[in-house]
PDB file of N, CA and C in Angstrom:
ATOM      1  N   MET A   1     -11.845   3.638   3.247  1.00  0.00           N
ATOM      2  CA  MET A   1     -11.448   4.605   2.250  1.00  0.00           C
ATOM      3  C   MET A   1     -10.305   4.033   1.419  1.00  0.00           C
ATOM      4  N   ILE A   2     -10.370   4.212   0.127  1.00  0.00           N
ATOM      5  CA  ILE A   2      -9.283   3.834  -0.778  1.00  0.00           C
ATOM      6  C   ILE A   2      -8.876   5.084  -1.542  1.00  0.00           C
ATOM      7  N   LYS A   3      -7.601   5.370  -1.562  1.00  0.00           N
ATOM      8  CA  LYS A   3      -7.068   6.495  -2.320  1.00  0.00           C
ATOM      9  C   LYS A   3      -6.195   5.916  -3.423  1.00  0.00           C
ATOM     10  N   ARG A   4      -6.629   6.044  -4.648  1.00  0.00           N
ATOM     11  CA  ARG A   4      -5.891   5.486  -5.779  1.00  0.00           C
ATOM     12  C   ARG A   4      -4.976   6.549  -6.387  1.00  0.00           C
ATOM     13  N   TYR A   5      -3.756   6.135  -6.645  1.00  0.00           N
ATOM     14  CA  TYR A   5      -2.762   7.046  -7.199  1.00  0.00           C
ATOM     15  C   TYR A   5      -3.232   7.675  -8.500  1.00  0.00           C
ATOM     16  N   LYS A   6      -3.861   6.887  -9.359  1.00  0.00           N
ATOM     17  CA  LYS A   6      -4.289   7.396 -10.674  1.00  0.00           C
ATOM     18  C   LYS A   6      -5.337   8.501 -10.559  1.00  0.00           C
ATOM     19  N   ASP A   7      -6.097   8.497  -9.451  1.00  0.00           N
ATOM     20  CA  ASP A   7      -7.132   9.501  -9.244  1.00  0.00           C
ATOM     21  C   ASP A   7      -6.587  10.764  -8.570  1.00  0.00           C
ATOM     22  N   SER A   8      -5.569  10.608  -7.768  1.00  0.00           N
ATOM     23  CA  SER A   8      -5.021  11.726  -7.011  1.00  0.00           C
ATOM     24  C   SER A   8      -3.550  11.455  -6.721  1.00  0.00           C
ATOM     25  N   PRO A   9      -2.649  11.843  -7.635  1.00  0.00           N
ATOM     26  CA  PRO A   9      -1.216  11.571  -7.420  1.00  0.00           C
ATOM     27  C   PRO A   9      -0.750  12.063  -6.056  1.00  0.00           C
ATOM     28  N   PHE A  10       0.085  11.261  -5.424  1.00  0.00           N
ATOM     29  CA  PHE A  10       0.560  11.574  -4.092  1.00  0.00           C
ATOM     30  C   PHE A  10       1.510  12.771  -4.127  1.00  0.00           C
ATOM     31  N   ARG A  11       1.361  13.639  -3.149  1.00  0.00           N
ATOM     32  CA  ARG A  11       2.250  14.797  -3.024  1.00  0.00           C
ATOM     33  C   ARG A  11       3.657  14.295  -2.702  1.00  0.00           C
ATOM     34  N   GLN A  12       4.646  14.884  -3.335  1.00  0.00           N
ATOM     35  CA  GLN A  12       6.034  14.471  -3.118  1.00  0.00           C
ATOM     36  C   GLN A  12       6.779  15.545  -2.343  1.00  0.00           C
ATOM     37  N   ILE A  13       7.556  15.113  -1.347  1.00  0.00           N
ATOM     38  CA  ILE A  13       8.416  16.007  -0.574  1.00  0.00           C
ATOM     39  C   ILE A  13       9.835  15.459  -0.687  1.00  0.00           C
ATOM     40  N   VAL A  14      10.792  16.328  -0.975  1.00  0.00           N
ATOM     41  CA  VAL A  14      12.192  15.917  -1.061  1.00  0.00           C
ATOM     42  C   VAL A  14      12.942  16.505   0.132  1.00  0.00           C
ATOM     43  N   TYR A  15      13.628  15.641   0.867  1.00  0.00           N
ATOM     44  CA  TYR A  15      14.466  16.055   1.991  1.00  0.00           C
ATOM     45  C   TYR A  15      15.924  15.925   1.560  1.00  0.00           C
ATOM     46  N   PRO A  16      16.579  17.036   1.200  1.00  0.00           N
ATOM     47  CA  PRO A  16      17.942  16.985   0.652  1.00  0.00           C
ATOM     48  C   PRO A  16      19.030  16.910   1.723  1.00  0.00           C
ATOM     49  N   TYR A  17      19.103  15.778   2.414  1.00  0.00           N
ATOM     50  CA  TYR A  17      20.117  15.592   3.452  1.00  0.00           C
ATOM     51  C   TYR A  17      21.139  14.575   3.008  1.00  0.00           C
ATOM     52  N   PRO A  18      22.364  14.887   2.759  1.00  0.00           N
ATOM     53  CA  PRO A  18      23.002  16.193   2.867  1.00  0.00           C
ATOM     54  C   PRO A  18      22.910  17.028   1.595  1.00  0.00           C
ATOM     55  N   SER A  19      22.396  16.456   0.487  1.00  0.00           N
ATOM     56  CA  SER A  19      22.297  17.213  -0.761  1.00  0.00           C
ATOM     57  C   SER A  19      21.175  16.626  -1.625  1.00  0.00           C
ATOM     58  N   GLU A  20      20.812  17.319  -2.702  1.00  0.00           N
ATOM     59  CA  GLU A  20      19.721  16.881  -3.583  1.00  0.00           C
ATOM     60  C   GLU A  20      19.936  15.477  -4.143  1.00  0.00           C
ATOM     61  N   ASP A  21      21.194  15.121  -4.447  1.00  0.00           N
ATOM     62  CA  ASP A  21      21.465  13.807  -5.041  1.00  0.00           C
ATOM     63  C   ASP A  21      21.545  12.697  -3.981  1.00  0.00           C
ATOM     64  N   LYS A  22      21.433  13.073  -2.717  1.00  0.00           N
ATOM     65  CA  LYS A  22      21.460  12.099  -1.607  1.00  0.00           C
ATOM     66  C   LYS A  22      20.260  12.367  -0.712  1.00  0.00           C
ATOM     67  N   ALA A  23      19.101  12.424  -1.329  1.00  0.00           N
ATOM     68  CA  ALA A  23      17.889  12.879  -0.647  1.00  0.00           C
ATOM     69  C   ALA A  23      17.034  11.737  -0.127  1.00  0.00           C
ATOM     70  N   GLY A  24      16.070  12.109   0.676  1.00  0.00           N
ATOM     71  CA  GLY A  24      14.956  11.249   1.029  1.00  0.00           C
ATOM     72  C   GLY A  24      13.764  11.735   0.227  1.00  0.00           C
ATOM     73  N   ILE A  25      13.123  10.855  -0.507  1.00  0.00           N
ATOM     74  CA  ILE A  25      11.994  11.249  -1.351  1.00  0.00           C
ATOM     75  C   ILE A  25      10.735  10.619  -0.770  1.00  0.00           C
ATOM     76  N   GLN A  26       9.850  11.458  -0.310  1.00  0.00           N
ATOM     77  CA  GLN A  26       8.655  11.006   0.394  1.00  0.00           C
ATOM     78  C   GLN A  26       7.423  11.224  -0.488  1.00  0.00           C
ATOM     79  N   HIS A  27       6.616  10.198  -0.615  1.00  0.00           N
ATOM     80  CA  HIS A  27       5.332  10.297  -1.307  1.00  0.00           C
ATOM     81  C   HIS A  27       4.250  10.211  -0.241  1.00  0.00           C
ATOM     82  N   VAL A  28       3.554  11.313  -0.006  1.00  0.00           N
ATOM     83  CA  VAL A  28       2.554  11.393   1.051  1.00  0.00           C
ATOM     84  C   VAL A  28       1.296  10.668   0.593  1.00  0.00           C
ATOM     85  N   LEU A  29       0.965   9.586   1.271  1.00  0.00           N
ATOM     86  CA  LEU A  29      -0.190   8.765   0.913  1.00  0.00           C
ATOM     87  C   LEU A  29      -1.474   9.311   1.512  1.00  0.00           C
ATOM     88  N   ALA A  30      -1.399   9.863   2.710  1.00  0.00           N
ATOM     89  CA  ALA A  30      -2.559  10.454   3.372  1.00  0.00           C
ATOM     90  C   ALA A  30      -2.074  11.409   4.448  1.00  0.00           C
ATOM     91  N   GLY A  31      -2.905  12.390   4.740  1.00  0.00           N
ATOM     92  CA  GLY A  31      -2.576  13.369   5.769  1.00  0.00           C
ATOM     93  C   GLY A  31      -3.730  13.564   6.727  1.00  0.00           C
ATOM     94  N   MET A  32      -3.679  14.657   7.461  1.00  0.00           N
ATOM     95  CA  MET A  32      -4.697  14.950   8.467  1.00  0.00           C
ATOM     96  C   MET A  32      -6.102  14.992   7.862  1.00  0.00           C
ATOM     97  N   ALA A  33      -6.246  15.620   6.696  1.00  0.00           N
ATOM     98  CA  ALA A  33      -7.571  15.770   6.087  1.00  0.00           C
ATOM     99  C   ALA A  33      -8.188  14.421   5.737  1.00  0.00           C
ATOM    100  N   GLU A  34      -7.382  13.538   5.131  1.00  0.00           N
ATOM    101  CA  GLU A  34      -7.913  12.233   4.711  1.00  0.00           C
ATOM    102  C   GLU A  34      -8.225  11.316   5.883  1.00  0.00           C
ATOM    103  N   THR A  35      -7.517  11.483   6.999  1.00  0.00           N
ATOM    104  CA  THR A  35      -7.687  10.564   8.127  1.00  0.00           C
ATOM    105  C   THR A  35      -8.474  11.178   9.285  1.00  0.00           C
ATOM    106  N   GLY A  36      -9.017  12.360   9.073  1.00  0.00           N
ATOM    107  CA  GLY A  36      -9.775  13.003  10.138  1.00  0.00           C
ATOM    108  C   GLY A  36      -8.931  13.330  11.357  1.00  0.00           C
ATOM    109  N   GLY A  37      -7.636  13.548  11.156  1.00  0.00           N
ATOM    110  CA  GLY A  37      -6.740  13.889  12.245  1.00  0.00           C
ATOM    111  C   GLY A  37      -6.166  12.708  13.003  1.00  0.00           C
ATOM    112  N   VAL A  38      -6.549  11.484  12.618  1.00  0.00           N
ATOM    113  CA  VAL A  38      -6.016  10.291  13.291  1.00  0.00           C
ATOM    114  C   VAL A  38      -4.524  10.165  13.019  1.00  0.00           C
ATOM    115  N   LEU A  39      -4.114  10.415  11.767  1.00  0.00           N
ATOM    116  CA  LEU A  39      -2.701  10.393  11.385  1.00  0.00           C
ATOM    117  C   LEU A  39      -2.299  11.785  10.943  1.00  0.00           C
ATOM    118  N   ARG A  40      -1.124  12.209  11.349  1.00  0.00           N
ATOM    119  CA  ARG A  40      -0.593  13.476  10.841  1.00  0.00           C
ATOM    120  C   ARG A  40      -0.175  13.285   9.385  1.00  0.00           C
ATOM    121  N   GLN A  41       0.454  12.122   9.118  1.00  0.00           N
ATOM    122  CA  GLN A  41       0.892  11.825   7.757  1.00  0.00           C
ATOM    123  C   GLN A  41       1.242  10.353   7.640  1.00  0.00           C
ATOM    124  N   MET A  42       0.986   9.791   6.473  1.00  0.00           N
ATOM    125  CA  MET A  42       1.387   8.425   6.140  1.00  0.00           C
ATOM    126  C   MET A  42       2.112   8.527   4.801  1.00  0.00           C
ATOM    127  N   ALA A  43       3.293   7.921   4.693  1.00  0.00           N
ATOM    128  CA  ALA A  43       4.092   8.117   3.489  1.00  0.00           C
ATOM    129  C   ALA A  43       4.910   6.889   3.123  1.00  0.00           C
ATOM    130  N   ARG A  44       5.204   6.814   1.842  1.00  0.00           N
ATOM    131  CA  ARG A  44       6.174   5.856   1.284  1.00  0.00           C
ATOM    132  C   ARG A  44       7.424   6.685   1.046  1.00  0.00           C
ATOM    133  N   THR A  45       8.544   6.265   1.615  1.00  0.00           N
ATOM    134  CA  THR A  45       9.761   7.067   1.539  1.00  0.00           C
ATOM    135  C   THR A  45      10.919   6.244   1.005  1.00  0.00           C
ATOM    136  N   VAL A  46      11.686   6.843   0.094  1.00  0.00           N
ATOM    137  CA  VAL A  46      12.892   6.232  -0.442  1.00  0.00           C
ATOM    138  C   VAL A  46      14.081   7.061   0.041  1.00  0.00           C
ATOM    139  N   LEU A  47      15.024   6.387   0.705  1.00  0.00           N
ATOM    140  CA  LEU A  47      16.260   7.032   1.131  1.00  0.00           C
ATOM    141  C   LEU A  47      17.335   6.660   0.118  1.00  0.00           C
ATOM    142  N   LEU A  48      17.767   7.622  -0.674  1.00  0.00           N
ATOM    143  CA  LEU A  48      18.809   7.361  -1.668  1.00  0.00           C
ATOM    144  C   LEU A  48      20.143   7.093  -0.971  1.00  0.00           C
ATOM    145  N   PRO A  49      21.042   6.350  -1.631  1.00  0.00           N
ATOM    146  CA  PRO A  49      22.370   6.128  -1.047  1.00  0.00           C
ATOM    147  C   PRO A  49      23.030   7.464  -0.693  1.00  0.00           C
ATOM    148  N   GLY A  50      23.572   7.539   0.505  1.00  0.00           N
ATOM    149  CA  GLY A  50      24.214   8.765   0.981  1.00  0.00           C
ATOM    150  C   GLY A  50      23.300   9.661   1.810  1.00  0.00           C
ATOM    151  N   PHE A  51      21.995   9.353   1.834  1.00  0.00           N
ATOM    152  CA  PHE A  51      21.058  10.148   2.632  1.00  0.00           C
ATOM    153  C   PHE A  51      21.472  10.112   4.096  1.00  0.00           C
ATOM    154  N   ASP A  52      21.338  11.264   4.789  1.00  0.00           N
ATOM    155  CA  ASP A  52      21.704  11.329   6.199  1.00  0.00           C
ATOM    156  C   ASP A  52      20.865  12.388   6.908  1.00  0.00           C
ATOM    157  N   MET A  53      19.763  11.956   7.551  1.00  0.00           N
ATOM    158  CA  MET A  53      18.929  12.857   8.350  1.00  0.00           C
ATOM    159  C   MET A  53      19.522  12.882   9.750  1.00  0.00           C
ATOM    160  N   PRO A  54      20.064  14.035  10.177  1.00  0.00           N
ATOM    161  CA  PRO A  54      20.724  14.083  11.478  1.00  0.00           C
ATOM    162  C   PRO A  54      19.745  13.879  12.635  1.00  0.00           C
ATOM    163  N   LEU A  55      20.310  13.568  13.779  1.00  0.00           N
ATOM    164  CA  LEU A  55      19.546  13.398  15.008  1.00  0.00           C
ATOM    165  C   LEU A  55      18.723  14.661  15.259  1.00  0.00           C
ATOM    166  N   HIS A  56      17.431  14.478  15.504  1.00  0.00           N
ATOM    167  CA  HIS A  56      16.527  15.590  15.795  1.00  0.00           C
ATOM    168  C   HIS A  56      15.449  15.105  16.758  1.00  0.00           C
ATOM    169  N   THR A  57      14.791  16.045  17.410  1.00  0.00           N
ATOM    170  CA  THR A  57      13.792  15.715  18.425  1.00  0.00           C
ATOM    171  C   THR A  57      12.390  15.957  17.889  1.00  0.00           C
ATOM    172  N   HIS A  58      11.502  15.027  18.179  1.00  0.00           N
ATOM    173  CA  HIS A  58      10.086  15.177  17.845  1.00  0.00           C
ATOM    174  C   HIS A  58       9.382  15.732  19.082  1.00  0.00           C
ATOM    175  N   ASP A  59       9.046  17.011  19.034  1.00  0.00           N
ATOM    176  CA  ASP A  59       8.428  17.647  20.188  1.00  0.00           C
ATOM    177  C   ASP A  59       6.931  17.373  20.284  1.00  0.00           C
ATOM    178  N   LYS A  60       6.243  17.349  19.116  1.00  0.00           N
ATOM    179  CA  LYS A  60       4.789  17.303  19.160  1.00  0.00           C
ATOM    180  C   LYS A  60       4.174  16.150  18.392  1.00  0.00           C
ATOM    181  N   ASP A  61       4.969  15.224  17.939  1.00  0.00           N
ATOM    182  CA  ASP A  61       4.378  14.083  17.244  1.00  0.00           C
ATOM    183  C   ASP A  61       5.207  12.840  17.483  1.00  0.00           C
ATOM    184  N   GLN A  62       4.664  11.735  17.051  1.00  0.00           N
ATOM    185  CA  GLN A  62       5.334  10.445  17.146  1.00  0.00           C
ATOM    186  C   GLN A  62       5.523   9.936  15.724  1.00  0.00           C
ATOM    187  N   GLU A  63       6.501   9.061  15.522  1.00  0.00           N
ATOM    188  CA  GLU A  63       6.774   8.583  14.165  1.00  0.00           C
ATOM    189  C   GLU A  63       7.115   7.101  14.207  1.00  0.00           C
ATOM    190  N   VAL A  64       6.602   6.382  13.219  1.00  0.00           N
ATOM    191  CA  VAL A  64       6.875   4.956  13.076  1.00  0.00           C
ATOM    192  C   VAL A  64       7.437   4.737  11.685  1.00  0.00           C
ATOM    193  N   TYR A  65       8.548   3.996  11.594  1.00  0.00           N
ATOM    194  CA  TYR A  65       9.125   3.581  10.307  1.00  0.00           C
ATOM    195  C   TYR A  65       9.067   2.065  10.238  1.00  0.00           C
ATOM    196  N   VAL A  66       8.763   1.544   9.065  1.00  0.00           N
ATOM    197  CA  VAL A  66       8.893   0.112   8.792  1.00  0.00           C
ATOM    198  C   VAL A  66       9.772  -0.001   7.552  1.00  0.00           C
ATOM    199  N   ILE A  67      10.911  -0.674   7.678  1.00  0.00           N
ATOM    200  CA  ILE A  67      11.800  -0.862   6.530  1.00  0.00           C
ATOM    201  C   ILE A  67      11.213  -1.962   5.640  1.00  0.00           C
ATOM    202  N   LEU A  68      10.955  -1.618   4.381  1.00  0.00           N
ATOM    203  CA  LEU A  68      10.409  -2.586   3.425  1.00  0.00           C
ATOM    204  C   LEU A  68      11.506  -3.270   2.623  1.00  0.00           C
ATOM    205  N   SER A  69      12.538  -2.502   2.255  1.00  0.00           N
ATOM    206  CA  SER A  69      13.689  -3.090   1.557  1.00  0.00           C
ATOM    207  C   SER A  69      14.899  -2.191   1.763  1.00  0.00           C
ATOM    208  N   GLY A  70      16.068  -2.785   1.629  1.00  0.00           N
ATOM    209  CA  GLY A  70      17.310  -2.043   1.826  1.00  0.00           C
ATOM    210  C   GLY A  70      17.696  -1.987   3.294  1.00  0.00           C
ATOM    211  N   TRP A  71      18.741  -1.220   3.558  1.00  0.00           N
ATOM    212  CA  TRP A  71      19.303  -1.112   4.908  1.00  0.00           C
ATOM    213  C   TRP A  71      19.505   0.351   5.256  1.00  0.00           C
ATOM    214  N   ALA A  72      19.548   0.641   6.546  1.00  0.00           N
ATOM    215  CA  ALA A  72      19.798   2.003   7.023  1.00  0.00           C
ATOM    216  C   ALA A  72      20.480   1.919   8.380  1.00  0.00           C
ATOM    217  N   MET A  73      21.051   3.026   8.786  1.00  0.00           N
ATOM    218  CA  MET A  73      21.592   3.173  10.128  1.00  0.00           C
ATOM    219  C   MET A  73      20.630   4.102  10.866  1.00  0.00           C
ATOM    220  N   TYR A  74      20.048   3.586  11.957  1.00  0.00           N
ATOM    221  CA  TYR A  74      19.035   4.333  12.701  1.00  0.00           C
ATOM    222  C   TYR A  74      19.617   4.804  14.022  1.00  0.00           C
ATOM    223  N   ASN A  75      19.485   6.097  14.298  1.00  0.00           N
ATOM    224  CA  ASN A  75      19.969   6.693  15.538  1.00  0.00           C
ATOM    225  C   ASN A  75      18.765   6.852  16.467  1.00  0.00           C
ATOM    226  N   ASP A  76      18.723   6.050  17.519  1.00  0.00           N
ATOM    227  CA  ASP A  76      17.628   6.061  18.481  1.00  0.00           C
ATOM    228  C   ASP A  76      18.131   6.697  19.775  1.00  0.00           C
ATOM    229  N   ASN A  77      17.874   8.006  19.918  1.00  0.00           N
ATOM    230  CA  ASN A  77      18.304   8.739  21.113  1.00  0.00           C
ATOM    231  C   ASN A  77      19.798   8.598  21.375  1.00  0.00           C
ATOM    232  N   GLY A  78      20.601   8.614  20.296  1.00  0.00           N
ATOM    233  CA  GLY A  78      22.054   8.554  20.429  1.00  0.00           C
ATOM    234  C   GLY A  78      22.658   7.179  20.239  1.00  0.00           C
ATOM    235  N   GLU A  79      21.831   6.129  20.164  1.00  0.00           N
ATOM    236  CA  GLU A  79      22.339   4.773  19.946  1.00  0.00           C
ATOM    237  C   GLU A  79      22.083   4.386  18.491  1.00  0.00           C
ATOM    238  N   VAL A  80      23.157   4.159  17.728  1.00  0.00           N
ATOM    239  CA  VAL A  80      23.051   3.883  16.295  1.00  0.00           C
ATOM    240  C   VAL A  80      23.068   2.374  16.050  1.00  0.00           C
ATOM    241  N   THR A  81      22.088   1.910  15.244  1.00  0.00           N
ATOM    242  CA  THR A  81      21.913   0.487  14.959  1.00  0.00           C
ATOM    243  C   THR A  81      21.590   0.294  13.489  1.00  0.00           C
ATOM    244  N   LYS A  82      22.135  -0.752  12.885  1.00  0.00           N
ATOM    245  CA  LYS A  82      21.792  -1.103  11.508  1.00  0.00           C
ATOM    246  C   LYS A  82      20.407  -1.752  11.491  1.00  0.00           C
ATOM    247  N   VAL A  83      19.535  -1.266  10.597  1.00  0.00           N
ATOM    248  CA  VAL A  83      18.176  -1.806  10.470  1.00  0.00           C
ATOM    249  C   VAL A  83      17.932  -2.218   9.027  1.00  0.00           C
ATOM    250  N   GLY A  84      17.029  -3.192   8.850  1.00  0.00           N
ATOM    251  CA  GLY A  84      16.756  -3.691   7.510  1.00  0.00           C
ATOM    252  C   GLY A  84      15.331  -4.191   7.362  1.00  0.00           C
ATOM    253  N   PRO A  85      15.051  -4.918   6.288  1.00  0.00           N
ATOM    254  CA  PRO A  85      13.699  -5.338   5.955  1.00  0.00           C
ATOM    255  C   PRO A  85      12.951  -5.969   7.136  1.00  0.00           C
ATOM    256  N   GLY A  86      11.750  -5.427   7.401  1.00  0.00           N
ATOM    257  CA  GLY A  86      10.910  -5.930   8.475  1.00  0.00           C
ATOM    258  C   GLY A  86      11.117  -5.235   9.805  1.00  0.00           C
ATOM    259  N   ASP A  87      12.213  -4.488   9.965  1.00  0.00           N
ATOM    260  CA  ASP A  87      12.456  -3.799  11.230  1.00  0.00           C
ATOM    261  C   ASP A  87      11.515  -2.604  11.372  1.00  0.00           C
ATOM    262  N   VAL A  88      11.078  -2.355  12.608  1.00  0.00           N
ATOM    263  CA  VAL A  88      10.166  -1.260  12.922  1.00  0.00           C
ATOM    264  C   VAL A  88      10.838  -0.346  13.933  1.00  0.00           C
ATOM    265  N   MET A  89      10.831   0.952  13.669  1.00  0.00           N
ATOM    266  CA  MET A  89      11.394   1.938  14.581  1.00  0.00           C
ATOM    267  C   MET A  89      10.275   2.885  15.002  1.00  0.00           C
ATOM    268  N   TYR A  90      10.296   3.292  16.267  1.00  0.00           N
ATOM    269  CA  TYR A  90       9.255   4.152  16.814  1.00  0.00           C
ATOM    270  C   TYR A  90       9.894   5.231  17.656  1.00  0.00           C
ATOM    271  N   VAL A  91       9.549   6.479  17.392  1.00  0.00           N
ATOM    272  CA  VAL A  91      10.035   7.588  18.218  1.00  0.00           C
ATOM    273  C   VAL A  91       8.817   8.296  18.818  1.00  0.00           C
ATOM    274  N   ARG A  92       8.843   8.448  20.124  1.00  0.00           N
ATOM    275  CA  ARG A  92       7.751   9.113  20.842  1.00  0.00           C
ATOM    276  C   ARG A  92       8.005  10.625  20.895  1.00  0.00           C
ATOM    277  N   ALA A  93       6.960  11.374  21.151  1.00  0.00           N
ATOM    278  CA  ALA A  93       7.101  12.818  21.344  1.00  0.00           C
ATOM    279  C   ALA A  93       8.100  13.056  22.476  1.00  0.00           C
ATOM    280  N   GLY A  94       9.030  13.969  22.240  1.00  0.00           N
ATOM    281  CA  GLY A  94      10.051  14.280  23.235  1.00  0.00           C
ATOM    282  C   GLY A  94      11.331  13.479  23.080  1.00  0.00           C
ATOM    283  N   GLN A  95      11.325  12.457  22.220  1.00  0.00           N
ATOM    284  CA  GLN A  95      12.524  11.656  21.980  1.00  0.00           C
ATOM    285  C   GLN A  95      13.201  12.105  20.685  1.00  0.00           C
ATOM    286  N   SER A  96      14.414  11.622  20.476  1.00  0.00           N
ATOM    287  CA  SER A  96      15.202  12.007  19.308  1.00  0.00           C
ATOM    288  C   SER A  96      15.522  10.804  18.446  1.00  0.00           C
ATOM    289  N   HIS A  97      15.670  11.063  17.143  1.00  0.00           N
ATOM    290  CA  HIS A  97      16.097  10.010  16.232  1.00  0.00           C
ATOM    291  C   HIS A  97      16.696  10.637  14.978  1.00  0.00           C
ATOM    292  N   GLY A  98      17.367   9.811  14.210  1.00  0.00           N
ATOM    293  CA  GLY A  98      17.918  10.182  12.922  1.00  0.00           C
ATOM    294  C   GLY A  98      18.051   8.910  12.109  1.00  0.00           C
ATOM    295  N   ILE A  99      18.200   9.043  10.786  1.00  0.00           N
ATOM    296  CA  ILE A  99      18.342   7.860   9.942  1.00  0.00           C
ATOM    297  C   ILE A  99      19.235   8.203   8.760  1.00  0.00           C
ATOM    298  N   ALA A 100      20.067   7.244   8.381  1.00  0.00           N
ATOM    299  CA  ALA A 100      21.001   7.450   7.275  1.00  0.00           C
ATOM    300  C   ALA A 100      21.067   6.196   6.418  1.00  0.00           C
ATOM    301  N   ASN A 101      21.376   6.399   5.149  1.00  0.00           N
ATOM    302  CA  ASN A 101      21.613   5.280   4.240  1.00  0.00           C
ATOM    303  C   ASN A 101      23.021   5.410   3.675  1.00  0.00           C
ATOM    304  N   PRO A 102      24.026   4.826   4.360  1.00  0.00           N
ATOM    305  CA  PRO A 102      25.397   4.874   3.867  1.00  0.00           C
ATOM    306  C   PRO A 102      25.687   3.750   2.866  1.00  0.00           C
ATOM    307  N   PHE A 103      24.663   2.999   2.484  1.00  0.00           N
ATOM    308  CA  PHE A 103      24.834   1.822   1.638  1.00  0.00           C
ATOM    309  C   PHE A 103      24.676   2.178   0.156  1.00  0.00           C
ATOM    310  N   LYS A 104      24.934   1.229  -0.726  1.00  0.00           N
ATOM    311  CA  LYS A 104      24.940   1.483  -2.170  1.00  0.00           C
ATOM    312  C   LYS A 104      23.567   1.368  -2.832  1.00  0.00           C
ATOM    313  N   GLU A 105      22.599   0.826  -2.105  1.00  0.00           N
ATOM    314  CA  GLU A 105      21.242   0.648  -2.647  1.00  0.00           C
ATOM    315  C   GLU A 105      20.256   1.547  -1.915  1.00  0.00           C
ATOM    316  N   PRO A 106      19.167   1.964  -2.589  1.00  0.00           N
ATOM    317  CA  PRO A 106      18.140   2.752  -1.907  1.00  0.00           C
ATOM    318  C   PRO A 106      17.470   1.941  -0.797  1.00  0.00           C
ATOM    319  N   THR A 107      16.948   2.648   0.183  1.00  0.00           N
ATOM    320  CA  THR A 107      16.172   2.045   1.263  1.00  0.00           C
ATOM    321  C   THR A 107      14.723   2.494   1.095  1.00  0.00           C
ATOM    322  N   LEU A 108      13.799   1.538   1.115  1.00  0.00           N
ATOM    323  CA  LEU A 108      12.375   1.851   0.998  1.00  0.00           C
ATOM    324  C   LEU A 108      11.727   1.631   2.352  1.00  0.00           C
ATOM    325  N   LEU A 109      10.993   2.635   2.819  1.00  0.00           N
ATOM    326  CA  LEU A 109      10.318   2.474   4.094  1.00  0.00           C
ATOM    327  C   LEU A 109       8.912   3.053   4.054  1.00  0.00           C
ATOM    328  N   PHE A 110       8.095   2.567   4.955  1.00  0.00           N
ATOM    329  CA  PHE A 110       6.739   3.052   5.165  1.00  0.00           C
ATOM    330  C   PHE A 110       6.780   3.863   6.441  1.00  0.00           C
ATOM    331  N   GLU A 111       6.204   5.047   6.403  1.00  0.00           N
ATOM    332  CA  GLU A 111       6.326   5.978   7.518  1.00  0.00           C
ATOM    333  C   GLU A 111       4.942   6.474   7.958  1.00  0.00           C
ATOM    334  N   ILE A 112       4.725   6.489   9.249  1.00  0.00           N
ATOM    335  CA  ILE A 112       3.482   7.018   9.810  1.00  0.00           C
ATOM    336  C   ILE A 112       3.841   8.046  10.881  1.00  0.00           C
ATOM    337  N   ASN A 113       3.273   9.250  10.764  1.00  0.00           N
ATOM    338  CA  ASN A 113       3.408  10.278  11.788  1.00  0.00           C
ATOM    339  C   ASN A 113       2.081  10.386  12.518  1.00  0.00           C
ATOM    340  N   LEU A 114       2.133  10.253  13.834  1.00  0.00           N
ATOM    341  CA  LEU A 114       0.940  10.334  14.672  1.00  0.00           C
ATOM    342  C   LEU A 114       0.938  11.643  15.437  1.00  0.00           C
ATOM    343  N   PRO A 115      -0.225  12.252  15.616  1.00  0.00           N
ATOM    344  CA  PRO A 115      -0.293  13.457  16.426  1.00  0.00           C
ATOM    345  C   PRO A 115       0.157  13.164  17.849  1.00  0.00           C
ATOM    346  N   ASP A 116       0.563  14.215  18.551  1.00  0.00           N
ATOM    347  CA  ASP A 116       0.941  14.077  19.948  1.00  0.00           C
ATOM    348  C   ASP A 116      -0.216  13.468  20.729  1.00  0.00           C
ATOM    349  N   PRO A 117       0.033  12.446  21.552  1.00  0.00           N
ATOM    350  CA  PRO A 117      -1.059  11.816  22.291  1.00  0.00           C
ATOM    351  C   PRO A 117      -1.672  12.782  23.311  1.00  0.00           C
ATOM    352  N   PRO A 118      -2.927  12.578  23.627  1.00  0.00           N
ATOM    353  CA  PRO A 118      -3.561  13.449  24.639  1.00  0.00           C
ATOM    354  C   PRO A 118      -2.844  13.320  25.980  1.00  0.00           C
ATOM    355  N   LYS A 119      -2.806  14.395  26.702  1.00  0.00           N
ATOM    356  CA  LYS A 119      -2.134  14.413  28.020  1.00  0.00           C
ATOM    357  C   LYS A 119      -3.076  13.937  29.093  1.00  0.00           C
TER     358      LYS A 119
END
């Protein structure tokens, strides 16, 4: 399957953490309908300078980030680490994470949300 932007513009979601001018801007590339439920969501996300998504728990899904450009501070279950181009972060259902961009340049990342694995 190929989904071309010109045929179907990607849905945009803005996460205003801590404010609109310091947001995470997500372009949803595919969701449950397009992937037959294999992926909850796949997105291209830009973290503007000053963005700060606080530590939170993923109860029913898993999430993978791949940093494409820029830098971020990633909180992995309470341990904060600087991440950059090529780094991959993974949070399992039941674990916690957060991400912030305290730097002067935007951070571009590729994000995949997976449904909770079968028990």
